[in-house]
Amino acid sequence: MTRGSSGGQPAVLVQPAVLVLEDGRAFRGRAYGAVGETFGEAVFSTGMTGYQETLTDPSYHRQVVVMTAPHVGNTGVNDEDPESARIWVSGYVVRDPARKPSNWRSRRSLDEELVAQGVVGISGVDTRALTRHLRERGAMRVGIFSGNAIADEGTLLARVRQAPQMTGADLSAEVATKEAYVVPAIGTKRFTVAAVDLGIKGMTPHRMAERGIEVHVLPATATLEEVYAVQPDGVFFSNGPGDPSTADHPVALMRGVLERSTPLFGICFGNQILGRALGFGTYKLKYGHRGINQPVQDRT
């Protein structure tokens, strides 16, 4: 994947851009963020707010996110809301970017942040039509090209189809912490949790800490011995990117935790790991659900 391959220069002048899906459909617009080219899996997010959390969520590694909300960037970018130390999306697709951010916590515009981190995006796209296309055809590979990266659509389509697919991608180790660290309990310590980082969001251990939990965040490659070295009252498996069918080490680790009957819990990718650890298989949803509100139904 190449991000900002033309040097990541800001789109000072309005430069053309084109988005090409692997099934051949193309959408033309304007460069947004860094100018260059990028590839990934096209997915959409239905969140009307919280774009900063989406951008910095490691679960979006190697994905090009299409925002269904028409106006993006209204509140700018602050230094309090990131879920990790960097933007993880491969590319960003919006309809109407804010011309000027307006929020008391804003420190810079979203466009400036995308340029600074070399994230290639496109604006002026009919995101409603694009989202409907993905809902009908399913998530697929996509490329965004702007500036000197633009060529004839046949050439661009061939390059998109050469990009790696998400199926079979083992990505958790690419986004997880390399070294263990501790998020101390806020106030009186009540419990200790070992959190296996498969692409954890920063707010997750913080919310645990607010409830009196000391969280030991461990790399995705952690061993069973390293998990129990922290003497956990519970073990947590985080969210993360990639195909759970490839996550053999986390599955084996969770089976070891199950054998010891330690309380465990997980979210997103971690919950899929639990299914595999219990002997079930996984399959890729047509386009998944990516938004702020997740519908939950009490089946009991």
C-alpha atoms as a PDB file:
ATOM      1  CA  MET A   1       0.000   0.000   0.000  1.00  0.00           C
ATOM      2  CA  THR A   2       1.313   3.416  -0.917  1.00  0.00           C
ATOM      3  CA  ARG A   3       0.096   6.424   1.045  1.00  0.00           C
ATOM      4  CA  GLY A   4       0.861   9.905  -0.173  1.00  0.00           C
ATOM      5  CA  SER A   5       3.313   8.515  -2.702  1.00  0.00           C
ATOM      6  CA  SER A   6       3.752  11.859  -4.411  1.00  0.00           C
ATOM      7  CA  GLY A   7       5.212  13.312  -1.246  1.00  0.00           C
ATOM      8  CA  GLY A   8       2.040  13.784   0.770  1.00  0.00           C
ATOM      9  CA  GLN A   9       1.762  17.444  -0.238  1.00  0.00           C
ATOM     10  CA  PRO A  10      -1.430  19.280   0.691  1.00  0.00           C
ATOM     11  CA  ALA A  11      -3.958  19.928  -2.037  1.00  0.00           C
ATOM     12  CA  VAL A  12      -3.327  23.682  -2.152  1.00  0.00           C
ATOM     13  CA  LEU A  13      -4.967  23.844  -5.560  1.00  0.00           C
ATOM     14  CA  VAL A  14      -8.117  21.836  -6.193  1.00  0.00           C
ATOM     15  CA  GLN A  15      -6.682  18.718  -7.774  1.00  0.00           C
ATOM     16  CA  PRO A  16      -8.790  16.048  -9.440  1.00  0.00           C
ATOM     17  CA  ALA A  17      -9.092  12.612  -7.901  1.00  0.00           C
ATOM     18  CA  VAL A  18     -10.704   9.333  -8.894  1.00  0.00           C
ATOM     19  CA  LEU A  19     -11.873   6.346  -6.868  1.00  0.00           C
ATOM     20  CA  VAL A  20     -11.837   2.993  -8.680  1.00  0.00           C
ATOM     21  CA  LEU A  21     -13.545  -0.130  -7.316  1.00  0.00           C
ATOM     22  CA  GLU A  22     -12.336  -3.587  -8.260  1.00  0.00           C
ATOM     23  CA  ASP A  23     -15.589  -4.303 -10.124  1.00  0.00           C
ATOM     24  CA  GLY A  24     -14.788  -1.433 -12.491  1.00  0.00           C
ATOM     25  CA  ARG A  25     -17.071   1.294 -11.175  1.00  0.00           C
ATOM     26  CA  ALA A  26     -15.354   4.663 -10.775  1.00  0.00           C
ATOM     27  CA  PHE A  27     -16.237   7.887  -8.961  1.00  0.00           C
ATOM     28  CA  ARG A  28     -14.550  11.192  -9.732  1.00  0.00           C
ATOM     29  CA  GLY A  29     -14.024  13.993  -7.241  1.00  0.00           C
ATOM     30  CA  ARG A  30     -11.382  16.225  -5.705  1.00  0.00           C
ATOM     31  CA  ALA A  31      -8.261  15.425  -3.713  1.00  0.00           C
ATOM     32  CA  TYR A  32      -8.804  15.566   0.045  1.00  0.00           C
ATOM     33  CA  GLY A  33      -5.885  15.191   2.415  1.00  0.00           C
ATOM     34  CA  ALA A  34      -2.611  13.959   0.952  1.00  0.00           C
ATOM     35  CA  VAL A  35      -2.223  13.759  -2.826  1.00  0.00           C
ATOM     36  CA  GLY A  36      -1.045  10.485  -4.324  1.00  0.00           C
ATOM     37  CA  GLU A  37      -2.492   6.986  -4.346  1.00  0.00           C
ATOM     38  CA  THR A  38      -3.693   4.413  -1.877  1.00  0.00           C
ATOM     39  CA  PHE A  39      -5.318   0.971  -1.873  1.00  0.00           C
ATOM     40  CA  GLY A  40      -7.455  -0.960   0.576  1.00  0.00           C
ATOM     41  CA  GLU A  41     -10.810  -2.583   1.209  1.00  0.00           C
ATOM     42  CA  ALA A  42     -13.773  -0.255   0.628  1.00  0.00           C
ATOM     43  CA  VAL A  43     -16.085  -0.102   3.648  1.00  0.00           C
ATOM     44  CA  PHE A  44     -18.534   2.491   4.882  1.00  0.00           C
ATOM     45  CA  SER A  45     -19.201   4.051   8.284  1.00  0.00           C
ATOM     46  CA  THR A  46     -22.662   5.267   9.260  1.00  0.00           C
ATOM     47  CA  GLY A  47     -21.494   7.425  12.163  1.00  0.00           C
ATOM     48  CA  MET A  48     -22.682  11.035  11.967  1.00  0.00           C
ATOM     49  CA  THR A  49     -20.095  12.063  14.579  1.00  0.00           C
ATOM     50  CA  GLY A  50     -16.868  10.635  15.913  1.00  0.00           C
ATOM     51  CA  TYR A  51     -14.892  10.635  12.669  1.00  0.00           C
ATOM     52  CA  GLN A  52     -11.674  11.175  14.614  1.00  0.00           C
ATOM     53  CA  GLU A  53     -12.226   7.964  16.577  1.00  0.00           C
ATOM     54  CA  THR A  54     -12.959   6.088  13.349  1.00  0.00           C
ATOM     55  CA  LEU A  55      -9.796   7.325  11.659  1.00  0.00           C
ATOM     56  CA  THR A  56      -7.564   6.317  14.580  1.00  0.00           C
ATOM     57  CA  ASP A  57      -9.227   2.946  15.275  1.00  0.00           C
ATOM     58  CA  PRO A  58      -6.650   0.211  14.469  1.00  0.00           C
ATOM     59  CA  SER A  59      -9.526  -2.028  13.310  1.00  0.00           C
ATOM     60  CA  TYR A  60      -9.603   0.039  10.093  1.00  0.00           C
ATOM     61  CA  HIS A  61      -6.033  -0.852   9.126  1.00  0.00           C
ATOM     62  CA  ARG A  62      -5.863  -1.433   5.332  1.00  0.00           C
ATOM     63  CA  GLN A  63      -9.426  -0.205   4.812  1.00  0.00           C
ATOM     64  CA  VAL A  64     -10.668   2.791   2.821  1.00  0.00           C
ATOM     65  CA  VAL A  65     -13.536   4.311   4.800  1.00  0.00           C
ATOM     66  CA  VAL A  66     -16.504   5.915   3.049  1.00  0.00           C
ATOM     67  CA  MET A  67     -18.404   8.299   5.331  1.00  0.00           C
ATOM     68  CA  THR A  68     -22.170   8.099   4.771  1.00  0.00           C
ATOM     69  CA  ALA A  69     -22.779  11.374   6.642  1.00  0.00           C
ATOM     70  CA  PRO A  70     -22.551  14.129   3.999  1.00  0.00           C
ATOM     71  CA  HIS A  71     -20.688  16.742   6.071  1.00  0.00           C
ATOM     72  CA  VAL A  72     -17.350  15.714   7.581  1.00  0.00           C
ATOM     73  CA  GLY A  73     -14.708  17.756   9.382  1.00  0.00           C
ATOM     74  CA  ASN A  74     -17.072  20.251  11.032  1.00  0.00           C
ATOM     75  CA  THR A  75     -15.428  19.943  14.456  1.00  0.00           C
ATOM     76  CA  GLY A  76     -11.841  19.751  13.215  1.00  0.00           C
ATOM     77  CA  VAL A  77      -9.249  17.618  14.984  1.00  0.00           C
ATOM     78  CA  ASN A  78      -8.329  17.763  18.665  1.00  0.00           C
ATOM     79  CA  ASP A  79      -5.712  16.027  20.790  1.00  0.00           C
ATOM     80  CA  GLU A  80      -8.137  14.310  23.180  1.00  0.00           C
ATOM     81  CA  ASP A  81     -10.252  12.013  20.980  1.00  0.00           C
ATOM     82  CA  PRO A  82      -7.761   9.802  19.067  1.00  0.00           C
ATOM     83  CA  GLU A  83      -8.054   6.088  19.867  1.00  0.00           C
ATOM     84  CA  SER A  84      -4.381   5.497  19.063  1.00  0.00           C
ATOM     85  CA  ALA A  85      -1.217   7.389  18.180  1.00  0.00           C
ATOM     86  CA  ARG A  86      -1.933   7.598  14.444  1.00  0.00           C
ATOM     87  CA  ILE A  87      -4.544   7.402  11.705  1.00  0.00           C
ATOM     88  CA  TRP A  88      -4.955   3.790  10.549  1.00  0.00           C
ATOM     89  CA  VAL A  89      -7.359   4.011   7.604  1.00  0.00           C
ATOM     90  CA  SER A  90      -5.751   3.474   4.205  1.00  0.00           C
ATOM     91  CA  GLY A  91      -7.891   6.137   2.571  1.00  0.00           C
ATOM     92  CA  TYR A  92     -10.814   8.441   3.285  1.00  0.00           C
ATOM     93  CA  VAL A  93     -13.893   9.248   1.192  1.00  0.00           C
ATOM     94  CA  VAL A  94     -16.223  12.151   1.984  1.00  0.00           C
ATOM     95  CA  ARG A  95     -18.903  14.110   0.189  1.00  0.00           C
ATOM     96  CA  ASP A  96     -18.765  17.666   1.555  1.00  0.00           C
ATOM     97  CA  PRO A  97     -15.736  18.464   3.725  1.00  0.00           C
ATOM     98  CA  ALA A  98     -16.075  21.410   6.096  1.00  0.00           C
ATOM     99  CA  ARG A  99     -14.537  24.576   4.733  1.00  0.00           C
ATOM    100  CA  LYS A 100     -13.666  25.739   8.251  1.00  0.00           C
ATOM    101  CA  PRO A 101     -13.827  23.736  11.497  1.00  0.00           C
ATOM    102  CA  SER A 102     -15.775  25.158  14.415  1.00  0.00           C
ATOM    103  CA  ASN A 103     -15.311  23.656  17.880  1.00  0.00           C
ATOM    104  CA  TRP A 104     -13.686  24.954  21.046  1.00  0.00           C
ATOM    105  CA  ARG A 105     -11.443  21.883  21.268  1.00  0.00           C
ATOM    106  CA  SER A 106     -10.318  21.986  17.624  1.00  0.00           C
ATOM    107  CA  ARG A 107      -6.580  22.400  17.080  1.00  0.00           C
ATOM    108  CA  ARG A 108      -6.386  21.964  13.300  1.00  0.00           C
ATOM    109  CA  SER A 109      -8.570  20.989  10.363  1.00  0.00           C
ATOM    110  CA  LEU A 110      -9.216  17.393   9.367  1.00  0.00           C
ATOM    111  CA  ASP A 111      -7.681  18.069   5.962  1.00  0.00           C
ATOM    112  CA  GLU A 112      -4.468  19.289   7.615  1.00  0.00           C
ATOM    113  CA  GLU A 113      -4.323  16.159   9.780  1.00  0.00           C
ATOM    114  CA  LEU A 114      -4.785  13.858   6.784  1.00  0.00           C
ATOM    115  CA  VAL A 115      -1.989  15.666   4.943  1.00  0.00           C
ATOM    116  CA  ALA A 116       0.325  15.524   7.963  1.00  0.00           C
ATOM    117  CA  GLN A 117      -0.140  11.762   8.256  1.00  0.00           C
ATOM    118  CA  GLY A 118       0.015  11.067   4.518  1.00  0.00           C
ATOM    119  CA  VAL A 119      -3.550   9.776   4.215  1.00  0.00           C
ATOM    120  CA  VAL A 120      -4.859   9.999   0.649  1.00  0.00           C
ATOM    121  CA  GLY A 121      -8.535  10.893   0.367  1.00  0.00           C
ATOM    122  CA  ILE A 122     -11.178  12.088  -2.042  1.00  0.00           C
ATOM    123  CA  SER A 123     -14.074  14.528  -1.638  1.00  0.00           C
ATOM    124  CA  GLY A 124     -16.983  15.596  -3.803  1.00  0.00           C
ATOM    125  CA  VAL A 125     -18.051  11.980  -4.234  1.00  0.00           C
ATOM    126  CA  ASP A 126     -21.695  10.847  -4.229  1.00  0.00           C
ATOM    127  CA  THR A 127     -21.189   8.781  -1.086  1.00  0.00           C
ATOM    128  CA  ARG A 128     -24.859   7.748  -1.046  1.00  0.00           C
ATOM    129  CA  ALA A 129     -24.495   6.091  -4.458  1.00  0.00           C
ATOM    130  CA  LEU A 130     -21.165   4.563  -3.425  1.00  0.00           C
ATOM    131  CA  THR A 131     -22.640   3.165  -0.204  1.00  0.00           C
ATOM    132  CA  ARG A 132     -25.624   1.693  -2.032  1.00  0.00           C
ATOM    133  CA  HIS A 133     -23.203   0.072  -4.485  1.00  0.00           C
ATOM    134  CA  LEU A 134     -21.211  -1.511  -1.640  1.00  0.00           C
ATOM    135  CA  ARG A 135     -24.424  -2.690   0.047  1.00  0.00           C
ATOM    136  CA  GLU A 136     -25.468  -4.438  -3.162  1.00  0.00           C
ATOM    137  CA  ARG A 137     -22.080  -5.774  -4.254  1.00  0.00           C
ATOM    138  CA  GLY A 138     -20.300  -6.135  -0.905  1.00  0.00           C
ATOM    139  CA  ALA A 139     -16.981  -4.829   0.392  1.00  0.00           C
ATOM    140  CA  MET A 140     -14.260  -4.921  -2.248  1.00  0.00           C
ATOM    141  CA  ARG A 141     -10.807  -3.619  -3.067  1.00  0.00           C
ATOM    142  CA  VAL A 142     -10.522   0.016  -4.064  1.00  0.00           C
ATOM    143  CA  GLY A 143      -7.931   2.572  -5.051  1.00  0.00           C
ATOM    144  CA  ILE A 144      -7.904   6.359  -4.720  1.00  0.00           C
ATOM    145  CA  PHE A 145      -5.714   8.290  -7.143  1.00  0.00           C
ATOM    146  CA  SER A 146      -5.032  12.029  -7.291  1.00  0.00           C
ATOM    147  CA  GLY A 147      -2.510  14.400  -8.817  1.00  0.00           C
ATOM    148  CA  ASN A 148       0.179  12.696 -10.854  1.00  0.00           C
ATOM    149  CA  ALA A 149      -1.136   9.259  -9.837  1.00  0.00           C
ATOM    150  CA  ILE A 150      -4.151   9.571 -12.146  1.00  0.00           C
ATOM    151  CA  ALA A 151      -3.983   7.522 -15.347  1.00  0.00           C
ATOM    152  CA  ASP A 152      -6.548   5.941 -17.637  1.00  0.00           C
ATOM    153  CA  GLU A 153      -9.181   3.942 -15.762  1.00  0.00           C
ATOM    154  CA  GLY A 154      -8.121   0.635 -17.324  1.00  0.00           C
ATOM    155  CA  THR A 155      -4.621   1.018 -15.899  1.00  0.00           C
ATOM    156  CA  LEU A 156      -5.952   2.092 -12.507  1.00  0.00           C
ATOM    157  CA  LEU A 157      -8.406  -0.826 -12.378  1.00  0.00           C
ATOM    158  CA  ALA A 158      -5.594  -3.290 -13.081  1.00  0.00           C
ATOM    159  CA  ARG A 159      -3.601  -1.833 -10.182  1.00  0.00           C
ATOM    160  CA  VAL A 160      -6.591  -2.106  -7.829  1.00  0.00           C
ATOM    161  CA  ARG A 161      -7.031  -5.766  -8.728  1.00  0.00           C
ATOM    162  CA  GLN A 162      -3.379  -6.399  -7.910  1.00  0.00           C
ATOM    163  CA  ALA A 163      -3.820  -5.098  -4.352  1.00  0.00           C
ATOM    164  CA  PRO A 164      -4.018  -7.707  -1.562  1.00  0.00           C
ATOM    165  CA  GLN A 165      -7.456  -8.847  -0.407  1.00  0.00           C
ATOM    166  CA  MET A 166      -8.647  -8.677   3.195  1.00  0.00           C
ATOM    167  CA  THR A 167      -9.594 -12.360   3.194  1.00  0.00           C
ATOM    168  CA  GLY A 168      -6.703 -14.245   4.750  1.00  0.00           C
ATOM    169  CA  ALA A 169      -5.005 -11.104   6.064  1.00  0.00           C
ATOM    170  CA  ASP A 170      -3.273 -11.509   9.423  1.00  0.00           C
ATOM    171  CA  LEU A 171      -2.975  -7.929  10.656  1.00  0.00           C
ATOM    172  CA  SER A 172      -3.328  -7.819  14.442  1.00  0.00           C
ATOM    173  CA  ALA A 173       0.423  -8.010  15.110  1.00  0.00           C
ATOM    174  CA  GLU A 174       0.938  -5.034  12.742  1.00  0.00           C
ATOM    175  CA  VAL A 175      -1.197  -2.705  14.873  1.00  0.00           C
ATOM    176  CA  ALA A 176      -0.734  -4.090  18.396  1.00  0.00           C
ATOM    177  CA  THR A 177       1.696  -2.758  20.964  1.00  0.00           C
ATOM    178  CA  LYS A 178       5.189  -4.258  20.886  1.00  0.00           C
ATOM    179  CA  GLU A 179       5.749  -3.805  24.608  1.00  0.00           C
ATOM    180  CA  ALA A 180       3.394  -4.434  27.521  1.00  0.00           C
ATOM    181  CA  TYR A 181       2.154  -1.407  29.453  1.00  0.00           C
ATOM    182  CA  VAL A 182      -0.139  -0.733  32.392  1.00  0.00           C
ATOM    183  CA  VAL A 183      -3.162   1.553  32.634  1.00  0.00           C
ATOM    184  CA  PRO A 184      -3.585   2.045  36.404  1.00  0.00           C
ATOM    185  CA  ALA A 185      -6.944   1.974  38.116  1.00  0.00           C
ATOM    186  CA  ILE A 186      -8.524   5.348  38.800  1.00  0.00           C
ATOM    187  CA  GLY A 187      -9.326   5.556  42.496  1.00  0.00           C
ATOM    188  CA  THR A 188      -9.507   2.338  44.503  1.00  0.00           C
ATOM    189  CA  LYS A 189      -8.186  -0.701  42.673  1.00  0.00           C
ATOM    190  CA  ARG A 190     -10.766  -3.487  42.520  1.00  0.00           C
ATOM    191  CA  PHE A 191      -9.514  -5.898  39.868  1.00  0.00           C
ATOM    192  CA  THR A 192      -6.627  -6.701  37.529  1.00  0.00           C
ATOM    193  CA  VAL A 193      -7.318  -7.460  33.876  1.00  0.00           C
ATOM    194  CA  ALA A 194      -4.876  -8.769  31.281  1.00  0.00           C
ATOM    195  CA  ALA A 195      -5.885  -7.189  27.943  1.00  0.00           C
ATOM    196  CA  VAL A 196      -4.544  -8.893  24.818  1.00  0.00           C
ATOM    197  CA  ASP A 197      -3.995  -6.130  22.273  1.00  0.00           C
ATOM    198  CA  LEU A 198      -5.210  -7.206  18.833  1.00  0.00           C
ATOM    199  CA  GLY A 199      -5.742  -3.562  17.832  1.00  0.00           C
ATOM    200  CA  ILE A 200      -7.110  -2.088  21.035  1.00  0.00           C
ATOM    201  CA  LYS A 201      -8.670   1.369  21.154  1.00  0.00           C
ATOM    202  CA  GLY A 202      -7.221   3.675  23.799  1.00  0.00           C
ATOM    203  CA  MET A 203     -10.578   4.393  25.400  1.00  0.00           C
ATOM    204  CA  THR A 204     -11.168   0.711  26.228  1.00  0.00           C
ATOM    205  CA  PRO A 205      -8.586   0.327  29.032  1.00  0.00           C
ATOM    206  CA  HIS A 206      -9.400   3.872  30.161  1.00  0.00           C
ATOM    207  CA  ARG A 207     -13.062   2.947  30.681  1.00  0.00           C
ATOM    208  CA  MET A 208     -11.976  -0.113  32.644  1.00  0.00           C
ATOM    209  CA  ALA A 209      -9.643   2.033  34.740  1.00  0.00           C
ATOM    210  CA  GLU A 210     -12.548   4.345  35.572  1.00  0.00           C
ATOM    211  CA  ARG A 211     -14.220   1.324  37.154  1.00  0.00           C
ATOM    212  CA  GLY A 212     -11.286   0.472  39.392  1.00  0.00           C
ATOM    213  CA  ILE A 213      -9.563  -1.992  37.063  1.00  0.00           C
ATOM    214  CA  GLU A 214      -5.791  -2.071  36.618  1.00  0.00           C
ATOM    215  CA  VAL A 215      -5.289  -3.024  32.966  1.00  0.00           C
ATOM    216  CA  HIS A 216      -2.143  -4.757  31.757  1.00  0.00           C
ATOM    217  CA  VAL A 217      -2.140  -4.348  27.959  1.00  0.00           C
ATOM    218  CA  LEU A 218      -0.135  -7.165  26.372  1.00  0.00           C
ATOM    219  CA  PRO A 219       1.118  -7.649  22.782  1.00  0.00           C
ATOM    220  CA  ALA A 220      -0.862  -9.857  20.407  1.00  0.00           C
ATOM    221  CA  THR A 221       2.050 -12.312  20.612  1.00  0.00           C
ATOM    222  CA  ALA A 222       1.776 -12.705  24.405  1.00  0.00           C
ATOM    223  CA  THR A 223       2.095 -16.218  25.794  1.00  0.00           C
ATOM    224  CA  LEU A 224      -0.171 -17.860  28.343  1.00  0.00           C
ATOM    225  CA  GLU A 225       2.631 -17.553  30.903  1.00  0.00           C
ATOM    226  CA  GLU A 226       2.888 -13.800  30.260  1.00  0.00           C
ATOM    227  CA  VAL A 227      -0.877 -13.406  30.670  1.00  0.00           C
ATOM    228  CA  TYR A 228      -0.908 -15.142  34.043  1.00  0.00           C
ATOM    229  CA  ALA A 229       2.257 -13.422  35.215  1.00  0.00           C
ATOM    230  CA  VAL A 230       0.107 -10.341  35.952  1.00  0.00           C
ATOM    231  CA  GLN A 231      -2.222 -12.484  38.130  1.00  0.00           C
ATOM    232  CA  PRO A 232      -5.377 -11.387  36.324  1.00  0.00           C
ATOM    233  CA  ASP A 233      -8.888 -11.528  37.715  1.00  0.00           C
ATOM    234  CA  GLY A 234     -10.050 -11.549  34.095  1.00  0.00           C
ATOM    235  CA  VAL A 235      -8.657 -11.677  30.567  1.00  0.00           C
ATOM    236  CA  PHE A 236      -9.829  -9.378  27.773  1.00  0.00           C
ATOM    237  CA  PHE A 237      -9.338  -9.832  24.005  1.00  0.00           C
ATOM    238  CA  SER A 238      -9.620  -6.569  22.088  1.00  0.00           C
ATOM    239  CA  ASN A 239     -10.960  -5.452  18.735  1.00  0.00           C
ATOM    240  CA  GLY A 240      -8.627  -5.487  15.747  1.00  0.00           C
ATOM    241  CA  PRO A 241      -8.238  -5.746  11.963  1.00  0.00           C
ATOM    242  CA  GLY A 242      -7.879  -8.625   9.577  1.00  0.00           C
ATOM    243  CA  ASP A 243      -9.358 -12.059   9.064  1.00  0.00           C
ATOM    244  CA  PRO A 244     -10.031 -13.997  12.312  1.00  0.00           C
ATOM    245  CA  SER A 245      -9.501 -17.274  10.450  1.00  0.00           C
ATOM    246  CA  THR A 246      -5.768 -16.466  10.394  1.00  0.00           C
ATOM    247  CA  ALA A 247      -5.475 -15.588  14.106  1.00  0.00           C
ATOM    248  CA  ASP A 248      -4.206 -18.968  15.256  1.00  0.00           C
ATOM    249  CA  HIS A 249      -2.057 -17.676  18.110  1.00  0.00           C
ATOM    250  CA  PRO A 250      -4.815 -15.643  19.808  1.00  0.00           C
ATOM    251  CA  VAL A 251      -7.162 -18.626  19.414  1.00  0.00           C
ATOM    252  CA  ALA A 252      -4.664 -20.957  21.095  1.00  0.00           C
ATOM    253  CA  LEU A 253      -4.124 -18.358  23.823  1.00  0.00           C
ATOM    254  CA  MET A 254      -7.848 -18.064  24.483  1.00  0.00           C
ATOM    255  CA  ARG A 255      -8.207 -21.838  24.672  1.00  0.00           C
ATOM    256  CA  GLY A 256      -5.542 -21.820  27.364  1.00  0.00           C
ATOM    257  CA  VAL A 257      -7.521 -19.216  29.303  1.00  0.00           C
ATOM    258  CA  LEU A 258     -10.719 -21.243  28.901  1.00  0.00           C
ATOM    259  CA  GLU A 259      -8.988 -24.328  30.252  1.00  0.00           C
ATOM    260  CA  ARG A 260      -8.087 -22.415  33.419  1.00  0.00           C
ATOM    261  CA  SER A 261     -11.686 -21.176  33.800  1.00  0.00           C
ATOM    262  CA  THR A 262     -10.561 -17.584  34.221  1.00  0.00           C
ATOM    263  CA  PRO A 263     -13.317 -15.037  33.531  1.00  0.00           C
ATOM    264  CA  LEU A 264     -12.799 -13.672  30.037  1.00  0.00           C
ATOM    265  CA  PHE A 265     -14.476 -11.237  27.721  1.00  0.00           C
ATOM    266  CA  GLY A 266     -13.852  -9.691  24.337  1.00  0.00           C
ATOM    267  CA  ILE A 267     -15.189  -7.244  21.812  1.00  0.00           C
ATOM    268  CA  CYS A 268     -15.387  -7.360  17.997  1.00  0.00           C
ATOM    269  CA  PHE A 269     -12.323  -9.295  16.808  1.00  0.00           C
ATOM    270  CA  GLY A 270     -11.854 -10.673  20.316  1.00  0.00           C
ATOM    271  CA  ASN A 271     -15.398 -12.047  20.298  1.00  0.00           C
ATOM    272  CA  GLN A 272     -14.724 -13.745  16.965  1.00  0.00           C
ATOM    273  CA  ILE A 273     -11.618 -15.296  18.509  1.00  0.00           C
ATOM    274  CA  LEU A 274     -13.841 -16.685  21.275  1.00  0.00           C
ATOM    275  CA  GLY A 275     -16.033 -18.344  18.663  1.00  0.00           C
ATOM    276  CA  ARG A 276     -13.034 -19.997  17.055  1.00  0.00           C
ATOM    277  CA  ALA A 277     -11.648 -21.054  20.427  1.00  0.00           C
ATOM    278  CA  LEU A 278     -14.949 -22.832  21.114  1.00  0.00           C
ATOM    279  CA  GLY A 279     -14.710 -24.722  17.848  1.00  0.00           C
ATOM    280  CA  PHE A 280     -16.841 -22.565  15.579  1.00  0.00           C
ATOM    281  CA  GLY A 281     -15.821 -21.154  12.221  1.00  0.00           C
ATOM    282  CA  THR A 282     -16.038 -17.603  10.902  1.00  0.00           C
ATOM    283  CA  TYR A 283     -17.104 -16.176   7.579  1.00  0.00           C
ATOM    284  CA  LYS A 284     -16.878 -12.722   6.089  1.00  0.00           C
ATOM    285  CA  LEU A 285     -20.029 -10.624   6.126  1.00  0.00           C
ATOM    286  CA  LYS A 286     -21.035  -8.972   2.870  1.00  0.00           C
ATOM    287  CA  TYR A 287     -20.253  -5.492   4.130  1.00  0.00           C
ATOM    288  CA  GLY A 288     -20.342  -5.689   7.923  1.00  0.00           C
ATOM    289  CA  HIS A 289     -21.714  -3.031  10.211  1.00  0.00           C
ATOM    290  CA  ARG A 290     -19.553  -0.021  10.893  1.00  0.00           C
ATOM    291  CA  GLY A 291     -21.057   2.862  12.797  1.00  0.00           C
ATOM    292  CA  ILE A 292     -21.579   4.387  16.212  1.00  0.00           C
ATOM    293  CA  ASN A 293     -24.625   2.442  17.415  1.00  0.00           C
ATOM    294  CA  GLN A 294     -24.587  -1.347  17.375  1.00  0.00           C
ATOM    295  CA  PRO A 295     -28.087  -2.881  17.653  1.00  0.00           C
ATOM    296  CA  VAL A 296     -28.367  -5.353  20.543  1.00  0.00           C
ATOM    297  CA  GLN A 297     -31.280  -7.655  21.199  1.00  0.00           C
ATOM    298  CA  ASP A 298     -31.898  -9.616  24.406  1.00  0.00           C
ATOM    299  CA  ARG A 299     -32.510 -13.149  23.126  1.00  0.00           C
ATOM    300  CA  THR A 300     -33.126 -14.640  26.581  1.00  0.00           C
END
